[in-house]
Each structure stands twice: as structure tokens, then as C-alpha cells.
Amino acid sequence: MQRPLADEIRPKTLEEVVGQRHLLAPGAVLRRLIEAGTEANMVFYGPSGTGKTTIANLIAEKTHKTLYRLNATTASLQDVKDVIADVDTLLAPGGILLYLDEIQYFNKKQQQSLLEFMENGKLTLIASTTENPYFYVYGALLSRSTVFEFKSVPPKEVEPAVLRALEIEKARAPLDWEPGLPLHIATACGGDVRKAMNAVELLCSAAPLRDGVRYLTCADAGQVSQRSAMRYDKGGDAMYDLASALMKSLRGSDPDAALHYLARFLEAGDLATPCRRLLCSASEDVGMAYPQAVAIVKACVDTAMQLGLPEAQLPLAQAAVLLATAPKSNSITAGIGRAWADVRAGRTGDVPRQLQNVHADTTGFDSRQHYQYPHNFPGHWVAQQYLPDALKDMRYYEWGDNKTEQAAKAYWEKIKGKGDA
């Protein structure tokens, strides 16, 4: 039986590992730990196909430990006990390195079962996860481990691996390919080296013959790897990273970046997440600098939800460009933040007598309430206390420096007798 290409091309040395230069370049911390043969517990966090299993294999070889692999999606507590039972036996004379893939699927009790053996050094744990370990890994286990983040591999770094895979296939049977094919596959794999290897293997298996030679085309590669260049997992880190990037692009007034991240949501078929972020940005980032943005964005979102994809792209793109190019003000965010902080801290006080419920007016106590109706005064304003006594001098809202808020500020300074007029 022929070995899978992804397994056959798996690196045997650190120099052969594709990507992860921030971890494996000469002098990098993880590389120094591996070269020193350090028996440290680690958590590898990052997307699939970025070298986590490969690095675990290399660490096992360097430390002369017996490597056991478990996948938390299928493993049980008994499987962990079976591995630990081999400690101090002839099956694992140098100790055990347990590579636990997808550790986020282990519950707290299962993760706790590893702690005793991690403490006494009889078991070295390398756990991997595609989700944020600070959310999904038990705190006591994290405190005994070092977290290393693996990143998607750039196409230019995947391309040499694709070329090596093509040469392996070429050695098996005559093979040729269109110019640019290796980079095309490297780009389409979305930073997942394993996916690129699988694409090469699949293409070679289905390649048409030209004069007895298998011939690979970019068109076929596009079909094999369609939609794979984008990582998206609804409810996972990738979704929240994209949502954060969209929000920050809107806030940073970059319409091109805003459209890019919006398009990634649309490609994934997720309308709800960008709609929520667009609605939030209208108040959080634009706010009083352009108050009408809320109504316009709400109309765009409603239209998009009625249309559905693909037409929904148009009103959502309109909303994104509007928010990215609108003047910005966070005066609303800052104001409600300061007010809410006081409330949470217990700084409240009684509602001033003149602002209490109107029932007092209807029972003959109006003279004791002393509420002054602003519409009875010039400019529809009269000086009176609205905040509780304990907070009467507090200022939560501060005028933004945009045209709209400065115009409102000038108006009220004039009405309240603080302006020039």
C-alpha cells in the first residue's frame, strides 16, 4: 500500500519544516528548546496543517521518548490510563511523550488526569488545539505548559513543499504541469500544508495523459481546492478574528479593508455576524459625528436580510463603505462607559425630587416638586438639577471634535449663556 503523500513528505529535520519561522528560526525559543532536548510540556495552538504534529515527532526523537498519539475527539479517559500504564516499563524506557490532538474536546476531568504524571516528569505532554487554549484548556494544565502559537503558512513558503511533492510524484510516473501550478496550489490551500499535499496527490491521481505523461492544469487545481483558501469556522477563533478585523477596519476608516473582510464573511455564507458589527459600529465609532448612520445602516442590514445572498452583498457593502468613510466620534461610547462605571460602583443617589414620577403632580404636590418645564422658557431650556445630589457636578458626555458635535456644542453654549451671544 502506497504511503499518503503528506506522510511521505513529512519533514525529518527542523530545516525541512515549512513555515513557523517565528518559532523555528535559528535562535528562536522553541528551536532552542528542541535542540537542547528540553522535556517541557507544551500546548501548540494554531490552524490545521501548519506543522504541529511534525514538531511533536521531532521533539520525541530528540528527547528519546516513546511517542504516543491520541485524538481527543475519539479518545477516552481509559485511553489516557492505558498510555500512563506504560510509564517505567520496557515499552517506554526513556519516558513517554503524549501528543494529544484537539485537546479542547477533553473535559475537565480528562485533562486533570494528566496532571499527576506531568508533575513527576514521567509524562511529557504536547497538546494541540485549533481553538484558543486560554478558553478551552484547564487552567492547572495550562500553568504547567508553555503555549506556542502556530500560524498559517504563506504561499511563498508552501510552494517549495508543493514542488517537492510534485517531484516525488514525478519519480513514481511521468508527470508535467502548467507554469504557475505550484504557486496556484500553495495559494489555494489557505496556509494548510497538508491540504496542499492532498491536492497534489488528488490531482496526480486524476491527471489526464498527454503522450503518456500525466499533465496537471491550474483549472483542475482550482476545482480540487475551491473555497479552501479561506479558513472559517462559525463560532470559532477564525470567525471572531474576522469580526474584529472588520470592526477595526471600519473604525480605522479603511473602506478597502472593510470590504475585504466583509467579502470573507459573504464567501462563508455568514450574514448575521457582519450585520451585527456594522450596526454596532454605527453607534460605537461614528456616533454623533453622523447620527443618521444608524438609520442608514439599519436599512441596509434589513434589506440584506430580506434579499439573502448573493444580492445581500450590495446593501452590506454600501453600509461598510458608508461607515468606513464617515467622520468618527466615540463620544457616545466614552460617555455611557463613564456613566455605567459609576452605576456599577454604587455611585447613584436618589432621583431629585423635581424629576420624580408625575403622580406627585396629580395629587396636589406640584408646588413641593419644583419641576420647571423647559418648553415654557426661551430656547426650551432652563437651568435645574437633573443628576442626583451625589453626582450633580459629574460630566459623562464630552463633545467630539467633529463638525456635527461642535455645531451642537456652539448652539447649547449660546442657549445656556456660555457662548458669545
Protein backbone atom coordinates (compact mmCIF):
# COMPACT_ATOMS: atom_id res chain seq x y z
CA MET A 1 0.00 0.00 0.00
CA GLN A 2 1.40 3.36 -1.05
CA ARG A 3 2.03 5.87 1.74
CA PRO A 4 -0.03 9.08 1.61
CA LEU A 5 2.00 11.86 0.04
CA ALA A 6 1.51 14.12 3.08
CA ASP A 7 3.12 11.44 5.26
CA GLU A 8 5.92 10.64 2.82
CA ILE A 9 6.99 14.28 2.56
CA ARG A 10 6.79 14.93 6.31
CA PRO A 11 9.98 16.75 7.43
CA LYS A 12 12.69 14.75 9.20
CA THR A 13 14.63 17.79 10.45
CA LEU A 14 13.81 21.31 11.64
CA GLU A 15 15.32 22.74 8.45
CA GLU A 16 12.75 20.89 6.36
CA VAL A 17 9.74 22.26 8.28
CA VAL A 18 7.68 24.64 6.17
CA GLY A 19 6.75 27.95 7.80
CA GLN A 20 6.73 28.84 11.52
CA ARG A 21 9.94 30.89 11.22
CA HIS A 22 8.91 32.84 14.33
CA LEU A 23 9.21 29.58 16.27
CA LEU A 24 11.90 27.65 14.42
CA ALA A 25 14.37 30.18 13.03
CA PRO A 26 17.90 29.89 14.49
CA GLY A 27 17.80 31.44 17.94
CA ALA A 28 14.01 31.19 18.34
CA VAL A 29 12.85 29.89 21.73
CA LEU A 30 11.10 26.73 20.55
CA ARG A 31 14.04 25.77 18.34
CA ARG A 32 16.46 26.22 21.23
CA LEU A 33 14.24 24.08 23.48
CA ILE A 34 14.12 21.32 20.87
CA GLU A 35 17.86 21.39 20.18
CA ALA A 36 18.61 21.29 23.91
CA GLY A 37 16.38 18.24 24.32
CA THR A 38 14.31 20.01 26.95
CA GLU A 39 11.44 17.90 28.26
CA ALA A 40 8.87 20.69 28.57
CA ASN A 41 5.11 20.37 28.49
CA MET A 42 3.72 22.42 25.63
CA VAL A 43 0.47 23.48 24.01
CA PHE A 44 0.57 24.05 20.25
CA TYR A 45 -2.17 26.42 19.14
CA GLY A 46 -2.97 27.14 15.51
CA PRO A 47 -4.74 26.08 12.31
CA SER A 48 -4.62 22.59 10.88
CA GLY A 49 -1.76 21.61 8.60
CA THR A 50 0.80 24.02 10.00
CA GLY A 51 3.31 21.54 11.42
CA LYS A 52 2.15 20.83 14.97
CA THR A 53 2.32 17.04 14.63
CA THR A 54 5.62 17.23 12.75
CA ILE A 55 7.25 19.26 15.53
CA ALA A 56 5.96 16.81 18.14
CA ASN A 57 7.61 13.94 16.19
CA LEU A 58 10.91 15.80 16.08
CA ILE A 59 10.76 16.55 19.82
CA ALA A 60 10.11 12.87 20.58
CA GLU A 61 13.18 11.87 18.54
CA LYS A 62 15.36 14.50 20.18
CA THR A 63 14.36 13.53 23.73
CA HIS A 64 14.45 9.75 23.03
CA LYS A 65 10.94 9.36 24.40
CA THR A 66 8.31 6.95 23.16
CA LEU A 67 5.68 8.90 21.25
CA TYR A 68 2.01 8.13 21.83
CA ARG A 69 -0.71 9.87 19.86
CA LEU A 70 -4.29 10.39 20.96
CA ASN A 71 -7.02 12.45 19.40
CA ALA A 72 -9.37 13.95 21.97
CA THR A 73 -12.33 13.69 19.59
CA THR A 74 -12.29 9.90 19.94
CA ALA A 75 -10.05 9.13 22.94
CA SER A 76 -11.44 8.32 26.38
CA LEU A 77 -10.11 8.52 29.92
CA GLN A 78 -9.27 4.81 29.66
CA ASP A 79 -7.05 5.53 26.66
CA VAL A 80 -5.11 8.03 28.76
CA LYS A 81 -4.78 5.48 31.58
CA ASP A 82 -3.51 2.88 29.10
CA VAL A 83 -0.79 5.26 27.95
CA ILE A 84 0.20 6.13 31.51
CA ALA A 85 0.36 2.41 32.36
CA ASP A 86 3.38 2.10 30.06
CA VAL A 87 5.39 4.57 32.14
CA ASP A 88 8.50 2.92 33.65
CA THR A 89 8.07 -0.22 31.51
CA LEU A 90 10.17 -1.66 28.69
CA LEU A 91 7.64 -0.20 26.26
CA ALA A 92 8.79 3.30 27.18
CA PRO A 93 12.27 3.08 28.70
CA GLY A 94 13.06 6.74 28.13
CA GLY A 95 9.69 8.00 29.25
CA ILE A 96 6.57 8.95 27.34
CA LEU A 97 5.75 11.90 25.13
CA LEU A 98 1.99 12.07 24.70
CA TYR A 99 0.80 14.05 21.71
CA LEU A 100 -2.84 14.88 22.40
CA ASP A 101 -4.52 16.39 19.37
CA GLU A 102 -7.62 18.61 19.67
CA ILE A 103 -7.34 18.79 23.47
CA GLN A 104 -10.29 21.18 23.59
CA TYR A 105 -12.56 18.14 23.26
CA PHE A 106 -11.31 16.67 26.55
CA ASN A 107 -13.43 17.64 29.54
CA LYS A 108 -12.01 18.94 32.80
CA LYS A 109 -11.78 15.52 34.45
CA GLN A 110 -9.94 14.04 31.48
CA GLN A 111 -7.46 16.91 31.44
CA GLN A 112 -6.98 16.67 35.21
CA SER A 113 -5.99 13.00 34.87
CA LEU A 114 -2.76 14.13 33.17
CA LEU A 115 -1.59 16.49 35.92
CA GLU A 116 -0.04 13.99 38.34
CA PHE A 117 2.20 12.47 35.69
CA MET A 118 3.14 15.86 34.26
CA GLU A 119 4.25 16.87 37.77
CA ASN A 120 6.59 13.94 38.35
CA GLY A 121 8.11 14.15 34.88
CA LYS A 122 7.16 10.65 33.81
CA LEU A 123 4.98 12.01 31.03
CA THR A 124 5.72 14.92 28.73
CA LEU A 125 2.58 16.36 27.19
CA ILE A 126 2.34 18.15 23.90
CA ALA A 127 -1.26 19.14 23.34
CA SER A 128 -2.50 20.75 20.16
CA THR A 129 -5.66 22.74 19.53
CA THR A 130 -7.17 24.85 16.80
CA GLU A 131 -9.07 26.89 19.40
CA ASN A 132 -7.78 29.48 21.85
CA PRO A 133 -6.22 27.40 24.67
CA TYR A 134 -6.89 30.10 27.26
CA PHE A 135 -10.61 29.45 26.73
CA TYR A 136 -10.61 25.67 26.28
CA VAL A 137 -7.72 24.20 28.26
CA TYR A 138 -7.96 23.62 32.02
CA GLY A 139 -6.09 26.34 33.92
CA ALA A 140 -3.97 23.97 36.03
CA LEU A 141 -2.78 22.19 32.90
CA LEU A 142 -2.01 25.48 31.18
CA SER A 143 0.05 26.65 34.16
CA ARG A 144 2.29 23.61 33.73
CA SER A 145 2.74 24.15 29.99
CA THR A 146 4.17 26.68 27.56
CA VAL A 147 1.88 27.84 24.76
CA PHE A 148 3.30 28.25 21.25
CA GLU A 149 1.14 29.74 18.51
CA PHE A 150 1.45 28.29 15.01
CA LYS A 151 0.41 30.47 12.10
CA SER A 152 -0.94 29.79 8.60
CA VAL A 153 1.96 29.26 6.20
CA PRO A 154 2.36 31.96 3.49
CA PRO A 155 2.01 30.71 -0.13
CA LYS A 156 5.65 31.51 -0.95
CA GLU A 157 6.76 29.16 1.86
CA VAL A 158 4.30 26.42 0.87
CA GLU A 159 5.41 26.49 -2.79
CA PRO A 160 8.74 24.65 -2.23
CA ALA A 161 6.87 21.86 -0.41
CA VAL A 162 4.46 21.59 -3.33
CA LEU A 163 7.40 21.33 -5.72
CA ARG A 164 8.95 18.57 -3.61
CA ALA A 165 5.64 16.69 -3.67
CA LEU A 166 5.40 17.04 -7.45
CA GLU A 167 8.93 15.70 -7.84
CA ILE A 168 8.06 12.67 -5.69
CA GLU A 169 5.02 12.01 -7.88
CA LYS A 170 7.14 12.52 -10.99
CA ALA A 171 9.53 9.84 -9.77
CA ARG A 172 6.64 7.41 -9.50
CA ALA A 173 5.35 8.00 -13.03
CA PRO A 174 5.96 10.59 -15.80
CA LEU A 175 4.43 13.93 -14.84
CA ASP A 176 4.30 17.51 -16.12
CA TRP A 177 2.34 20.61 -15.16
CA GLU A 178 1.33 24.06 -16.31
CA PRO A 179 3.56 27.02 -15.43
CA GLY A 180 2.48 28.58 -12.15
CA LEU A 181 0.73 25.45 -10.89
CA PRO A 182 2.82 25.04 -7.69
CA LEU A 183 2.13 28.61 -6.56
CA HIS A 184 -1.54 28.23 -7.51
CA ILE A 185 -1.87 25.19 -5.23
CA ALA A 186 0.17 26.88 -2.48
CA THR A 187 -2.12 29.91 -2.57
CA ALA A 188 -5.35 27.94 -2.70
CA CYS A 189 -4.52 25.75 0.30
CA GLY A 190 -5.06 28.65 2.72
CA GLY A 191 -1.85 28.13 4.66
CA ASP A 192 -2.55 24.41 5.25
CA VAL A 193 0.45 22.43 4.00
CA ARG A 194 -1.31 19.09 4.46
CA LYS A 195 -4.17 20.30 2.30
CA ALA A 196 -1.68 21.30 -0.40
CA MET A 197 -0.11 17.81 -0.33
CA ASN A 198 -3.53 16.18 -0.57
CA ALA A 199 -4.40 18.42 -3.51
CA VAL A 200 -1.22 17.36 -5.34
CA GLU A 201 -1.97 13.70 -4.68
CA LEU A 202 -5.56 14.03 -5.87
CA LEU A 203 -4.55 15.95 -9.00
CA CYS A 204 -1.97 13.32 -9.92
CA SER A 205 -4.49 10.52 -9.44
CA ALA A 206 -6.96 12.19 -11.81
CA ALA A 207 -4.48 13.70 -14.28
CA PRO A 208 -5.20 13.14 -18.00
CA LEU A 209 -2.44 11.67 -20.15
CA ARG A 210 -0.65 13.63 -22.86
CA ASP A 211 1.65 11.46 -24.91
CA GLY A 212 1.91 9.07 -21.99
CA VAL A 213 2.67 11.81 -19.48
CA ARG A 214 0.28 12.89 -16.71
CA TYR A 215 -0.44 16.59 -17.12
CA LEU A 216 -1.68 18.87 -14.31
CA THR A 217 -3.56 22.10 -15.06
CA CYS A 218 -4.37 25.15 -12.98
CA ALA A 219 -8.04 24.74 -13.88
CA ASP A 220 -8.12 21.28 -12.31
CA ALA A 221 -6.20 22.58 -9.30
CA GLY A 222 -8.81 25.31 -8.87
CA GLN A 223 -11.58 22.71 -8.76
CA VAL A 224 -9.75 20.48 -6.30
CA SER A 225 -9.00 23.34 -3.91
CA GLN A 226 -12.02 25.58 -4.43
CA ARG A 227 -13.02 27.70 -1.41
CA SER A 228 -10.21 26.16 0.64
CA ALA A 229 -8.03 29.25 0.73
CA MET A 230 -10.23 30.81 3.38
CA ARG A 231 -10.34 29.48 6.93
CA TYR A 232 -13.72 29.97 8.60
CA ASP A 233 -15.32 28.14 11.47
CA LYS A 234 -18.57 29.68 12.67
CA GLY A 235 -18.30 30.30 16.39
CA GLY A 236 -14.56 29.64 16.38
CA ASP A 237 -11.47 31.81 16.55
CA ALA A 238 -11.42 32.44 12.79
CA MET A 239 -14.90 33.96 12.90
CA TYR A 240 -14.07 36.24 15.82
CA ASP A 241 -10.78 37.28 14.24
CA LEU A 242 -12.59 38.29 11.05
CA ALA A 243 -15.28 40.12 13.02
CA SER A 244 -12.62 42.02 14.94
CA ALA A 245 -10.77 42.85 11.73
CA LEU A 246 -13.96 44.16 10.10
CA MET A 247 -14.80 46.32 13.11
CA LYS A 248 -11.31 47.76 13.36
CA SER A 249 -11.17 48.47 9.64
CA LEU A 250 -14.43 50.43 9.89
CA ARG A 251 -13.09 52.32 12.90
CA GLY A 252 -9.81 52.95 11.10
CA SER A 253 -11.64 54.46 8.10
CA ASP A 254 -10.22 51.93 5.62
CA PRO A 255 -13.01 51.10 3.13
CA ASP A 256 -10.84 48.65 1.18
CA ALA A 257 -10.04 46.53 4.23
CA ALA A 258 -13.69 46.74 5.36
CA LEU A 259 -14.87 45.38 2.00
CA HIS A 260 -12.24 42.63 2.10
CA TYR A 261 -13.32 41.29 5.49
CA LEU A 262 -16.98 41.67 4.59
CA ALA A 263 -16.36 39.61 1.44
CA ARG A 264 -14.81 36.84 3.54
CA PHE A 265 -17.98 36.64 5.62
CA LEU A 266 -20.10 36.58 2.47
CA GLU A 267 -17.98 33.80 0.97
CA ALA A 268 -18.54 31.79 4.16
CA GLY A 269 -22.30 32.42 3.91
CA ASP A 270 -22.41 34.25 7.24
CA LEU A 271 -24.68 37.30 7.13
CA ALA A 272 -25.52 37.60 10.82
CA THR A 273 -22.01 38.34 12.11
CA PRO A 274 -21.13 41.26 9.79
CA CYS A 275 -24.62 42.71 10.21
CA ARG A 276 -24.14 42.87 13.97
CA ARG A 277 -20.73 44.51 13.60
CA LEU A 278 -21.99 47.07 11.11
CA LEU A 279 -24.89 48.03 13.38
CA CYS A 280 -22.56 48.31 16.35
CA SER A 281 -20.01 50.43 14.50
CA ALA A 282 -22.69 52.93 13.50
CA SER A 283 -23.05 53.95 17.16
CA GLU A 284 -19.70 52.94 18.62
CA ASP A 285 -17.39 54.51 16.05
CA VAL A 286 -19.45 57.03 14.06
CA GLY A 287 -21.96 58.03 16.69
CA MET A 288 -22.77 61.70 16.97
CA ALA A 289 -20.36 62.66 14.18
CA TYR A 290 -23.02 61.41 11.74
CA PRO A 291 -26.11 60.34 13.73
CA GLN A 292 -28.03 59.38 10.58
CA ALA A 293 -25.60 56.49 10.03
CA VAL A 294 -27.61 54.30 12.42
CA ALA A 295 -30.78 54.60 10.36
CA ILE A 296 -28.98 54.08 7.06
CA VAL A 297 -27.04 51.04 8.25
CA LYS A 298 -30.20 49.54 9.79
CA ALA A 299 -31.96 49.95 6.45
CA CYS A 300 -29.03 48.31 4.65
CA VAL A 301 -28.99 45.39 7.09
CA ASP A 302 -32.76 44.87 6.83
CA THR A 303 -32.53 44.94 3.05
CA ALA A 304 -29.68 42.44 3.06
CA MET A 305 -31.55 40.02 5.30
CA GLN A 306 -34.61 40.21 3.03
CA LEU A 307 -32.59 39.72 -0.14
CA GLY A 308 -30.28 36.97 1.07
CA LEU A 309 -27.11 36.03 -0.77
CA PRO A 310 -25.75 36.84 -3.26
CA GLU A 311 -27.70 40.12 -3.57
CA ALA A 312 -27.17 40.92 0.10
CA GLN A 313 -23.60 41.85 -0.76
CA LEU A 314 -24.73 45.20 -2.20
CA PRO A 315 -26.51 46.83 0.76
CA LEU A 316 -23.92 45.45 3.18
CA ALA A 317 -21.08 46.81 1.05
CA GLN A 318 -22.91 50.16 0.99
CA ALA A 319 -23.12 50.15 4.77
CA ALA A 320 -19.46 49.18 5.14
CA VAL A 321 -18.23 51.94 2.83
CA LEU A 322 -20.52 54.49 4.49
CA LEU A 323 -19.16 53.67 7.96
CA ALA A 324 -15.55 53.49 6.84
CA THR A 325 -15.72 56.89 5.14
CA ALA A 326 -17.93 58.67 7.68
CA PRO A 327 -16.47 61.09 10.27
CA LYS A 328 -15.74 59.34 13.54
CA SER A 329 -16.66 60.02 17.15
CA ASN A 330 -16.53 57.78 20.21
CA SER A 331 -18.18 60.34 22.49
CA ILE A 332 -21.21 58.06 22.92
CA THR A 333 -19.02 55.06 23.82
CA ALA A 334 -16.97 57.08 26.31
CA GLY A 335 -20.00 58.81 27.82
CA ILE A 336 -22.08 55.73 28.52
CA GLY A 337 -18.92 53.94 29.70
CA ARG A 338 -18.24 56.56 32.37
CA ALA A 339 -21.88 56.67 33.45
CA TRP A 340 -22.18 52.90 33.67
CA ALA A 341 -18.93 52.68 35.65
CA ASP A 342 -20.40 54.97 38.30
CA VAL A 343 -23.58 52.93 38.47
CA ARG A 344 -21.65 49.66 38.84
CA ALA A 345 -19.55 51.22 41.58
CA GLY A 346 -22.70 52.15 43.51
CA ARG A 347 -22.39 55.87 42.85
CA THR A 348 -26.07 56.61 42.25
CA GLY A 349 -28.16 58.54 44.78
CA ASP A 350 -31.85 59.36 44.92
CA VAL A 351 -33.64 60.79 41.92
CA PRO A 352 -34.01 64.57 42.52
CA ARG A 353 -37.45 65.47 43.85
CA GLN A 354 -38.29 67.62 40.83
CA LEU A 355 -37.69 64.67 38.47
CA GLN A 356 -39.74 62.06 40.27
CA ASN A 357 -42.77 60.41 38.71
CA VAL A 358 -45.60 62.68 37.58
CA HIS A 359 -48.02 61.09 40.07
CA ALA A 360 -46.84 63.70 42.55
CA ASP A 361 -48.11 66.47 40.26
CA THR A 362 -51.57 64.92 40.01
CA THR A 363 -52.06 64.64 43.76
CA GLY A 364 -51.59 68.29 44.56
CA PHE A 365 -47.88 68.23 45.39
CA ASP A 366 -46.63 70.13 42.34
CA SER A 367 -45.50 73.07 44.48
CA ARG A 368 -43.34 70.72 46.53
CA GLN A 369 -41.77 69.15 43.46
CA HIS A 370 -40.48 72.35 41.87
CA TYR A 371 -40.08 70.85 38.41
CA GLN A 372 -39.61 73.51 35.73
CA TYR A 373 -40.98 72.64 32.29
CA PRO A 374 -38.21 73.56 29.79
CA HIS A 375 -40.65 74.33 26.95
CA ASN A 376 -42.02 77.23 28.97
CA PHE A 377 -38.67 79.03 28.77
CA PRO A 378 -36.72 80.78 25.97
CA GLY A 379 -34.77 78.33 23.87
CA HIS A 380 -36.70 75.48 25.51
CA TRP A 381 -34.15 75.31 28.31
CA VAL A 382 -33.99 76.28 31.97
CA ALA A 383 -31.23 75.65 34.50
CA GLN A 384 -32.16 72.97 37.01
CA GLN A 385 -30.53 69.92 38.56
CA TYR A 386 -31.10 66.59 36.85
CA LEU A 387 -28.42 64.33 38.33
CA PRO A 388 -28.69 63.01 41.90
CA ASP A 389 -27.11 65.22 44.58
CA ALA A 390 -24.07 62.94 44.92
CA LEU A 391 -23.30 63.30 41.21
CA LYS A 392 -24.62 66.75 40.41
CA ASP A 393 -21.30 68.03 39.05
CA MET A 394 -20.37 64.94 37.02
CA ARG A 395 -19.71 65.22 33.27
CA TYR A 396 -20.08 61.98 31.36
CA TYR A 397 -20.57 63.24 27.83
CA GLU A 398 -17.82 65.26 26.20
CA TRP A 399 -18.33 66.92 22.83
CA GLY A 400 -16.45 65.27 19.96
CA ASP A 401 -14.23 67.37 17.75
CA ASN A 402 -16.26 66.70 14.59
CA LYS A 403 -18.40 69.28 12.78
CA THR A 404 -21.75 67.91 13.92
CA GLU A 405 -20.98 67.80 17.64
CA GLN A 406 -19.14 71.12 17.59
CA ALA A 407 -22.19 72.75 15.98
CA ALA A 408 -24.41 71.29 18.72
CA LYS A 409 -21.95 72.46 21.36
CA ALA A 410 -21.98 76.03 20.00
CA TYR A 411 -25.77 76.02 19.89
CA TRP A 412 -26.15 74.99 23.52
CA GLU A 413 -23.44 77.30 24.75
CA LYS A 414 -25.40 80.14 23.17
CA ILE A 415 -28.72 79.00 24.64
CA LYS A 416 -27.23 78.45 28.09
CA GLY A 417 -25.48 81.81 28.08
CA LYS A 418 -21.95 80.42 27.81
CA GLY A 419 -21.32 81.44 24.21
CA ASP A 420 -20.50 84.75 22.62
CA ALA A 421 -24.10 85.76 22.03
